Amino acid sequence: MDNETETIRRILQDSGDTWAVVGLSNNRSRAAFGVAQVLQRFGKRVVPVHPKAETVHGEEGYASLAEIPFPVDVVDVFVNSELAGPVADEAVAVGAKAVWFQLDVIDAGAYERTRAAGLDMVMDRCPAIEIPKLPPRG
């Protein structure tokens, strides 16, 4: 198993089940909406993070990671690459265990900073594609 595959497995199976999804709103046409549904189907608690702070998929939303009043395990990032670095930095600041940059979200500097802070990180991948590939826990 290569390093990236092992990191993906570790995030999806070992990092915890509370996922803050940055960019998640009630807009059904956005990828975040469907990916959040897949995460829930696989037992993840999905916490919407969006300026509108909407309730999505039955979970209360927050305007920022810093406003979430409980620990977050993984921060799943659905914002443009130009905005992703500050989100990764905020994930480090709130004590997340891992950061996941979605497909086409790329920031090499943020990747290096996040890894240097001791967090697992995946970039330019989608958990909804990766999670069904994993063997079941057991």
N, C-alpha and C. Protein backbone atom coordinates (compact mmCIF):
# COMPACT_ATOMS: atom_id res chain seq x y z
N MET A 1 0.86 -1.18 0.00
CA MET A 1 0.00 0.00 0.00
C MET A 1 0.90 1.24 0.00
N ASP A 2 0.67 2.17 -0.95
CA ASP A 2 1.51 3.36 -0.99
C ASP A 2 1.10 4.35 0.11
N ASN A 3 1.92 5.37 0.29
CA ASN A 3 1.68 6.33 1.39
C ASN A 3 0.32 7.01 1.26
N GLU A 4 -0.04 7.45 0.04
CA GLU A 4 -1.31 8.14 -0.12
C GLU A 4 -2.49 7.21 0.17
N THR A 5 -2.42 5.98 -0.31
CA THR A 5 -3.48 5.02 -0.05
C THR A 5 -3.60 4.75 1.44
N GLU A 6 -2.49 4.63 2.12
CA GLU A 6 -2.51 4.41 3.57
C GLU A 6 -3.08 5.63 4.29
N THR A 7 -2.74 6.82 3.85
CA THR A 7 -3.29 8.04 4.46
C THR A 7 -4.80 8.10 4.27
N ILE A 8 -5.26 7.79 3.07
CA ILE A 8 -6.71 7.76 2.80
C ILE A 8 -7.39 6.76 3.72
N ARG A 9 -6.84 5.56 3.83
CA ARG A 9 -7.43 4.56 4.71
C ARG A 9 -7.47 5.03 6.15
N ARG A 10 -6.36 5.62 6.61
CA ARG A 10 -6.28 6.09 7.99
C ARG A 10 -7.33 7.18 8.26
N ILE A 11 -7.48 8.12 7.33
CA ILE A 11 -8.46 9.19 7.53
C ILE A 11 -9.87 8.61 7.56
N LEU A 12 -10.17 7.75 6.60
CA LEU A 12 -11.54 7.23 6.49
C LEU A 12 -11.90 6.24 7.58
N GLN A 13 -10.91 5.49 8.09
CA GLN A 13 -11.23 4.45 9.07
C GLN A 13 -10.78 4.74 10.49
N ASP A 14 -9.73 5.51 10.67
CA ASP A 14 -9.15 5.65 12.00
C ASP A 14 -9.20 7.05 12.61
N SER A 15 -9.43 8.07 11.79
CA SER A 15 -9.31 9.44 12.29
C SER A 15 -10.51 9.91 13.08
N GLY A 16 -11.61 9.20 13.01
CA GLY A 16 -12.81 9.62 13.73
C GLY A 16 -13.95 9.86 12.77
N ASP A 17 -15.13 10.02 13.33
CA ASP A 17 -16.34 10.06 12.51
C ASP A 17 -17.01 11.42 12.42
N THR A 18 -16.42 12.47 12.97
CA THR A 18 -17.03 13.79 12.86
C THR A 18 -16.29 14.58 11.79
N TRP A 19 -16.99 14.83 10.69
CA TRP A 19 -16.42 15.50 9.52
C TRP A 19 -17.06 16.87 9.36
N ALA A 20 -16.27 17.92 9.45
CA ALA A 20 -16.74 19.27 9.09
C ALA A 20 -16.57 19.41 7.59
N VAL A 21 -17.66 19.72 6.89
CA VAL A 21 -17.62 19.85 5.44
C VAL A 21 -17.73 21.33 5.10
N VAL A 22 -16.59 21.92 4.75
CA VAL A 22 -16.51 23.35 4.48
C VAL A 22 -17.00 23.61 3.06
N GLY A 23 -18.06 24.41 2.97
CA GLY A 23 -18.69 24.70 1.68
C GLY A 23 -20.02 23.97 1.51
N LEU A 24 -20.45 23.22 2.53
CA LEU A 24 -21.70 22.46 2.46
C LEU A 24 -22.89 23.37 2.75
N SER A 25 -23.81 23.40 1.78
CA SER A 25 -25.06 24.15 1.95
C SER A 25 -26.20 23.26 1.45
N ASN A 26 -27.39 23.81 1.42
CA ASN A 26 -28.55 23.06 0.93
C ASN A 26 -28.68 23.10 -0.59
N ASN A 27 -27.68 23.58 -1.28
CA ASN A 27 -27.70 23.60 -2.74
C ASN A 27 -27.44 22.18 -3.25
N ARG A 28 -28.49 21.52 -3.69
CA ARG A 28 -28.41 20.12 -4.10
C ARG A 28 -27.56 19.91 -5.35
N SER A 29 -27.32 20.97 -6.11
CA SER A 29 -26.52 20.82 -7.33
C SER A 29 -25.02 20.88 -7.07
N ARG A 30 -24.63 21.20 -5.85
CA ARG A 30 -23.21 21.27 -5.51
C ARG A 30 -22.70 19.89 -5.07
N ALA A 31 -21.47 19.59 -5.42
CA ALA A 31 -20.89 18.29 -5.09
C ALA A 31 -20.90 18.02 -3.59
N ALA A 32 -20.68 19.05 -2.78
CA ALA A 32 -20.62 18.86 -1.33
C ALA A 32 -21.90 18.21 -0.79
N PHE A 33 -23.04 18.57 -1.36
CA PHE A 33 -24.31 18.03 -0.89
C PHE A 33 -24.35 16.51 -1.03
N GLY A 34 -23.99 16.00 -2.20
CA GLY A 34 -24.01 14.56 -2.44
C GLY A 34 -22.92 13.82 -1.69
N VAL A 35 -21.73 14.41 -1.62
CA VAL A 35 -20.63 13.76 -0.90
C VAL A 35 -20.99 13.64 0.58
N ALA A 36 -21.61 14.67 1.14
CA ALA A 36 -22.01 14.62 2.55
C ALA A 36 -23.01 13.47 2.78
N GLN A 37 -23.91 13.24 1.83
CA GLN A 37 -24.85 12.12 1.96
C GLN A 37 -24.11 10.79 1.97
N VAL A 38 -23.12 10.65 1.11
CA VAL A 38 -22.34 9.41 1.08
C VAL A 38 -21.62 9.22 2.41
N LEU A 39 -20.99 10.27 2.92
CA LEU A 39 -20.30 10.17 4.21
C LEU A 39 -21.26 9.72 5.30
N GLN A 40 -22.46 10.28 5.31
CA GLN A 40 -23.45 9.87 6.32
C GLN A 40 -23.82 8.40 6.16
N ARG A 41 -23.98 7.95 4.93
CA ARG A 41 -24.31 6.54 4.70
C ARG A 41 -23.23 5.61 5.25
N PHE A 42 -22.00 6.10 5.28
CA PHE A 42 -20.89 5.30 5.81
C PHE A 42 -20.61 5.60 7.28
N GLY A 43 -21.58 6.20 7.97
CA GLY A 43 -21.50 6.37 9.41
C GLY A 43 -20.80 7.61 9.92
N LYS A 44 -20.52 8.56 9.04
CA LYS A 44 -19.86 9.79 9.47
C LYS A 44 -20.89 10.83 9.89
N ARG A 45 -20.57 11.58 10.92
CA ARG A 45 -21.37 12.74 11.29
C ARG A 45 -20.86 13.90 10.45
N VAL A 46 -21.73 14.52 9.70
CA VAL A 46 -21.35 15.60 8.79
C VAL A 46 -21.80 16.93 9.39
N VAL A 47 -20.85 17.84 9.57
CA VAL A 47 -21.14 19.15 10.14
C VAL A 47 -20.96 20.20 9.04
N PRO A 48 -22.05 20.85 8.61
CA PRO A 48 -21.93 21.86 7.56
C PRO A 48 -21.20 23.11 8.05
N VAL A 49 -20.25 23.59 7.23
CA VAL A 49 -19.56 24.84 7.51
C VAL A 49 -19.70 25.71 6.26
N HIS A 50 -20.43 26.80 6.42
CA HIS A 50 -20.76 27.67 5.29
C HIS A 50 -21.16 29.02 5.87
N PRO A 51 -20.87 30.12 5.16
CA PRO A 51 -21.26 31.43 5.70
C PRO A 51 -22.74 31.54 6.07
N LYS A 52 -23.61 30.79 5.39
CA LYS A 52 -25.05 30.82 5.71
C LYS A 52 -25.39 30.03 6.96
N ALA A 53 -24.50 29.15 7.41
CA ALA A 53 -24.71 28.33 8.61
C ALA A 53 -26.05 27.60 8.57
N GLU A 54 -26.36 27.00 7.42
CA GLU A 54 -27.61 26.28 7.25
C GLU A 54 -27.56 24.89 7.89
N THR A 55 -28.73 24.41 8.30
CA THR A 55 -28.87 23.01 8.70
C THR A 55 -28.97 22.20 7.41
N VAL A 56 -28.10 21.19 7.28
CA VAL A 56 -28.07 20.36 6.07
C VAL A 56 -28.03 18.90 6.51
N HIS A 57 -28.81 18.08 5.85
CA HIS A 57 -28.86 16.64 6.17
C HIS A 57 -29.11 16.40 7.66
N GLY A 58 -29.91 17.29 8.28
CA GLY A 58 -30.26 17.13 9.68
C GLY A 58 -29.21 17.60 10.67
N GLU A 59 -28.12 18.17 10.19
CA GLU A 59 -27.05 18.64 11.09
C GLU A 59 -26.98 20.16 11.08
N GLU A 60 -26.88 20.75 12.26
CA GLU A 60 -26.77 22.20 12.38
C GLU A 60 -25.49 22.69 11.72
N GLY A 61 -25.60 23.80 11.00
CA GLY A 61 -24.45 24.37 10.32
C GLY A 61 -23.80 25.49 11.13
N TYR A 62 -22.55 25.77 10.80
CA TYR A 62 -21.78 26.81 11.46
C TYR A 62 -21.10 27.66 10.39
N ALA A 63 -20.87 28.92 10.70
CA ALA A 63 -20.27 29.83 9.72
C ALA A 63 -18.78 29.61 9.56
N SER A 64 -18.14 29.01 10.56
CA SER A 64 -16.69 28.76 10.48
C SER A 64 -16.34 27.56 11.34
N LEU A 65 -15.16 27.01 11.12
CA LEU A 65 -14.70 25.89 11.95
C LEU A 65 -14.60 26.31 13.41
N ALA A 66 -14.14 27.53 13.65
CA ALA A 66 -13.94 28.01 15.02
C ALA A 66 -15.25 28.07 15.82
N GLU A 67 -16.39 28.16 15.13
CA GLU A 67 -17.69 28.26 15.82
C GLU A 67 -18.24 26.90 16.25
N ILE A 68 -17.69 25.80 15.74
CA ILE A 68 -18.20 24.48 16.09
C ILE A 68 -17.84 24.20 17.55
N PRO A 69 -18.86 23.93 18.40
CA PRO A 69 -18.61 23.82 19.85
C PRO A 69 -18.19 22.43 20.32
N PHE A 70 -17.75 21.58 19.42
CA PHE A 70 -17.33 20.23 19.79
C PHE A 70 -16.16 19.85 18.88
N PRO A 71 -15.40 18.82 19.23
CA PRO A 71 -14.24 18.45 18.42
C PRO A 71 -14.63 17.94 17.03
N VAL A 72 -13.80 18.29 16.08
CA VAL A 72 -13.96 17.85 14.70
C VAL A 72 -12.76 16.96 14.37
N ASP A 73 -13.02 15.81 13.76
CA ASP A 73 -11.94 14.89 13.42
C ASP A 73 -11.31 15.19 12.07
N VAL A 74 -12.15 15.39 11.06
CA VAL A 74 -11.68 15.60 9.69
C VAL A 74 -12.35 16.85 9.14
N VAL A 75 -11.58 17.67 8.42
CA VAL A 75 -12.12 18.83 7.73
C VAL A 75 -12.05 18.55 6.24
N ASP A 76 -13.22 18.46 5.62
CA ASP A 76 -13.37 18.17 4.20
C ASP A 76 -13.63 19.50 3.49
N VAL A 77 -12.77 19.86 2.55
CA VAL A 77 -12.74 21.22 2.00
C VAL A 77 -13.28 21.27 0.57
N PHE A 78 -14.40 21.97 0.41
CA PHE A 78 -15.06 22.17 -0.88
C PHE A 78 -15.03 23.65 -1.25
N VAL A 79 -13.89 24.28 -1.17
CA VAL A 79 -13.76 25.67 -1.61
C VAL A 79 -12.68 25.74 -2.69
N ASN A 80 -12.62 26.85 -3.40
CA ASN A 80 -11.60 27.02 -4.43
C ASN A 80 -10.20 26.91 -3.83
N SER A 81 -9.27 26.47 -4.65
CA SER A 81 -7.88 26.31 -4.20
C SER A 81 -7.34 27.57 -3.55
N GLU A 82 -7.73 28.73 -4.08
CA GLU A 82 -7.22 30.01 -3.53
C GLU A 82 -7.67 30.23 -2.09
N LEU A 83 -8.79 29.63 -1.69
CA LEU A 83 -9.33 29.81 -0.34
C LEU A 83 -9.02 28.64 0.59
N ALA A 84 -8.46 27.57 0.02
CA ALA A 84 -8.29 26.33 0.78
C ALA A 84 -7.21 26.42 1.85
N GLY A 85 -6.12 27.12 1.58
CA GLY A 85 -5.02 27.22 2.54
C GLY A 85 -5.45 27.74 3.90
N PRO A 86 -6.17 28.87 3.93
CA PRO A 86 -6.64 29.36 5.23
C PRO A 86 -7.57 28.38 5.95
N VAL A 87 -8.35 27.61 5.20
CA VAL A 87 -9.21 26.60 5.83
C VAL A 87 -8.35 25.51 6.46
N ALA A 88 -7.31 25.08 5.76
CA ALA A 88 -6.41 24.08 6.34
C ALA A 88 -5.74 24.61 7.60
N ASP A 89 -5.32 25.86 7.57
CA ASP A 89 -4.71 26.47 8.75
C ASP A 89 -5.70 26.52 9.92
N GLU A 90 -6.95 26.82 9.62
CA GLU A 90 -7.98 26.85 10.67
C GLU A 90 -8.22 25.44 11.21
N ALA A 91 -8.16 24.43 10.33
CA ALA A 91 -8.33 23.05 10.78
C ALA A 91 -7.25 22.68 11.79
N VAL A 92 -6.02 23.10 11.51
CA VAL A 92 -4.92 22.86 12.45
C VAL A 92 -5.23 23.57 13.77
N ALA A 93 -5.68 24.82 13.67
CA ALA A 93 -5.93 25.63 14.87
C ALA A 93 -7.03 25.05 15.76
N VAL A 94 -8.05 24.40 15.16
CA VAL A 94 -9.14 23.86 15.97
C VAL A 94 -8.86 22.43 16.44
N GLY A 95 -7.72 21.88 16.06
CA GLY A 95 -7.33 20.57 16.56
C GLY A 95 -7.86 19.38 15.78
N ALA A 96 -8.19 19.59 14.51
CA ALA A 96 -8.63 18.46 13.69
C ALA A 96 -7.48 17.46 13.55
N LYS A 97 -7.84 16.22 13.23
CA LYS A 97 -6.82 15.18 13.03
C LYS A 97 -6.39 15.07 11.57
N ALA A 98 -7.26 15.54 10.66
CA ALA A 98 -6.97 15.37 9.24
C ALA A 98 -7.69 16.44 8.42
N VAL A 99 -7.13 16.70 7.24
CA VAL A 99 -7.73 17.63 6.28
C VAL A 99 -7.83 16.90 4.95
N TRP A 100 -8.96 17.09 4.29
CA TRP A 100 -9.20 16.45 2.99
C TRP A 100 -9.57 17.54 2.00
N PHE A 101 -8.71 17.77 1.00
CA PHE A 101 -9.03 18.71 -0.09
C PHE A 101 -9.69 17.92 -1.21
N GLN A 102 -10.86 18.36 -1.62
CA GLN A 102 -11.64 17.68 -2.64
C GLN A 102 -10.97 17.72 -4.01
N LEU A 103 -11.57 17.04 -4.97
CA LEU A 103 -11.08 17.04 -6.35
C LEU A 103 -10.89 18.47 -6.84
N ASP A 104 -9.76 18.72 -7.47
CA ASP A 104 -9.40 20.03 -8.03
C ASP A 104 -9.10 21.10 -6.98
N VAL A 105 -9.05 20.74 -5.72
CA VAL A 105 -8.63 21.67 -4.67
C VAL A 105 -7.17 21.34 -4.36
N ILE A 106 -6.29 22.24 -4.79
CA ILE A 106 -4.85 21.98 -4.70
C ILE A 106 -4.14 23.20 -4.14
N ASP A 107 -3.36 22.98 -3.09
CA ASP A 107 -2.51 24.02 -2.50
C ASP A 107 -1.34 23.31 -1.82
N ALA A 108 -0.23 23.24 -2.55
CA ALA A 108 0.94 22.50 -2.05
C ALA A 108 1.46 23.09 -0.75
N GLY A 109 1.44 24.40 -0.62
CA GLY A 109 1.90 25.04 0.61
C GLY A 109 1.04 24.65 1.81
N ALA A 110 -0.27 24.64 1.62
CA ALA A 110 -1.18 24.23 2.70
C ALA A 110 -0.95 22.76 3.05
N TYR A 111 -0.71 21.93 2.04
CA TYR A 111 -0.43 20.52 2.28
C TYR A 111 0.80 20.38 3.18
N GLU A 112 1.86 21.07 2.84
CA GLU A 112 3.10 20.99 3.63
C GLU A 112 2.90 21.51 5.05
N ARG A 113 2.22 22.65 5.20
CA ARG A 113 1.97 23.21 6.55
C ARG A 113 1.14 22.26 7.40
N THR A 114 0.12 21.68 6.78
CA THR A 114 -0.78 20.79 7.52
C THR A 114 -0.06 19.53 7.96
N ARG A 115 0.72 18.95 7.06
CA ARG A 115 1.51 17.76 7.39
C ARG A 115 2.55 18.09 8.46
N ALA A 116 3.19 19.25 8.34
CA ALA A 116 4.20 19.66 9.33
C ALA A 116 3.59 19.82 10.72
N ALA A 117 2.30 20.16 10.76
CA ALA A 117 1.61 20.31 12.05
C ALA A 117 1.16 18.97 12.61
N GLY A 118 1.43 17.89 11.87
CA GLY A 118 1.13 16.55 12.38
C GLY A 118 -0.21 15.97 11.95
N LEU A 119 -0.91 16.64 11.05
CA LEU A 119 -2.20 16.14 10.59
C LEU A 119 -2.01 15.29 9.34
N ASP A 120 -2.90 14.32 9.16
CA ASP A 120 -2.98 13.62 7.88
C ASP A 120 -3.64 14.56 6.89
N MET A 121 -3.25 14.43 5.62
CA MET A 121 -3.87 15.27 4.60
C MET A 121 -3.91 14.55 3.28
N VAL A 122 -5.03 14.72 2.58
CA VAL A 122 -5.21 14.23 1.22
C VAL A 122 -5.63 15.42 0.38
N MET A 123 -5.12 15.47 -0.84
CA MET A 123 -5.41 16.60 -1.72
C MET A 123 -5.86 16.07 -3.09
N ASP A 124 -6.86 16.74 -3.66
CA ASP A 124 -7.34 16.43 -5.01
C ASP A 124 -7.92 15.02 -5.09
N ARG A 125 -8.66 14.62 -4.06
CA ARG A 125 -9.33 13.31 -4.03
C ARG A 125 -10.73 13.53 -3.45
N CYS A 126 -11.59 12.53 -3.59
CA CYS A 126 -12.95 12.63 -3.06
C CYS A 126 -13.25 11.43 -2.16
N PRO A 127 -13.67 11.67 -0.92
CA PRO A 127 -13.95 10.54 -0.02
C PRO A 127 -15.12 9.69 -0.51
N ALA A 128 -16.05 10.27 -1.24
CA ALA A 128 -17.19 9.50 -1.74
C ALA A 128 -16.74 8.48 -2.79
N ILE A 129 -15.62 8.74 -3.45
CA ILE A 129 -15.04 7.80 -4.39
C ILE A 129 -14.18 6.78 -3.65
N GLU A 130 -13.46 7.24 -2.64
CA GLU A 130 -12.49 6.39 -1.94
C GLU A 130 -13.11 5.46 -0.91
N ILE A 131 -14.11 5.90 -0.19
CA ILE A 131 -14.63 5.11 0.94
C ILE A 131 -15.23 3.77 0.50
N PRO A 132 -15.92 3.69 -0.64
CA PRO A 132 -16.44 2.35 -1.02
C PRO A 132 -15.34 1.36 -1.40
N LYS A 133 -14.15 1.84 -1.70
CA LYS A 133 -13.04 0.97 -2.08
C LYS A 133 -12.42 0.24 -0.89
N LEU A 134 -12.66 0.77 0.31
CA LEU A 134 -12.00 0.19 1.49
C LEU A 134 -12.69 -1.09 1.93
N PRO A 135 -11.90 -2.02 2.47
CA PRO A 135 -12.52 -3.21 3.04
C PRO A 135 -13.30 -2.81 4.29
N PRO A 136 -14.39 -3.49 4.59
CA PRO A 136 -15.16 -3.15 5.78
C PRO A 136 -14.33 -3.34 7.04
N ARG A 137 -14.67 -2.54 8.06
CA ARG A 137 -14.02 -2.71 9.35
C ARG A 137 -14.42 -4.06 9.92
N GLY A 138 -13.53 -4.64 10.67
CA GLY A 138 -13.94 -5.92 11.24
C GLY A 138 -12.90 -6.57 11.95
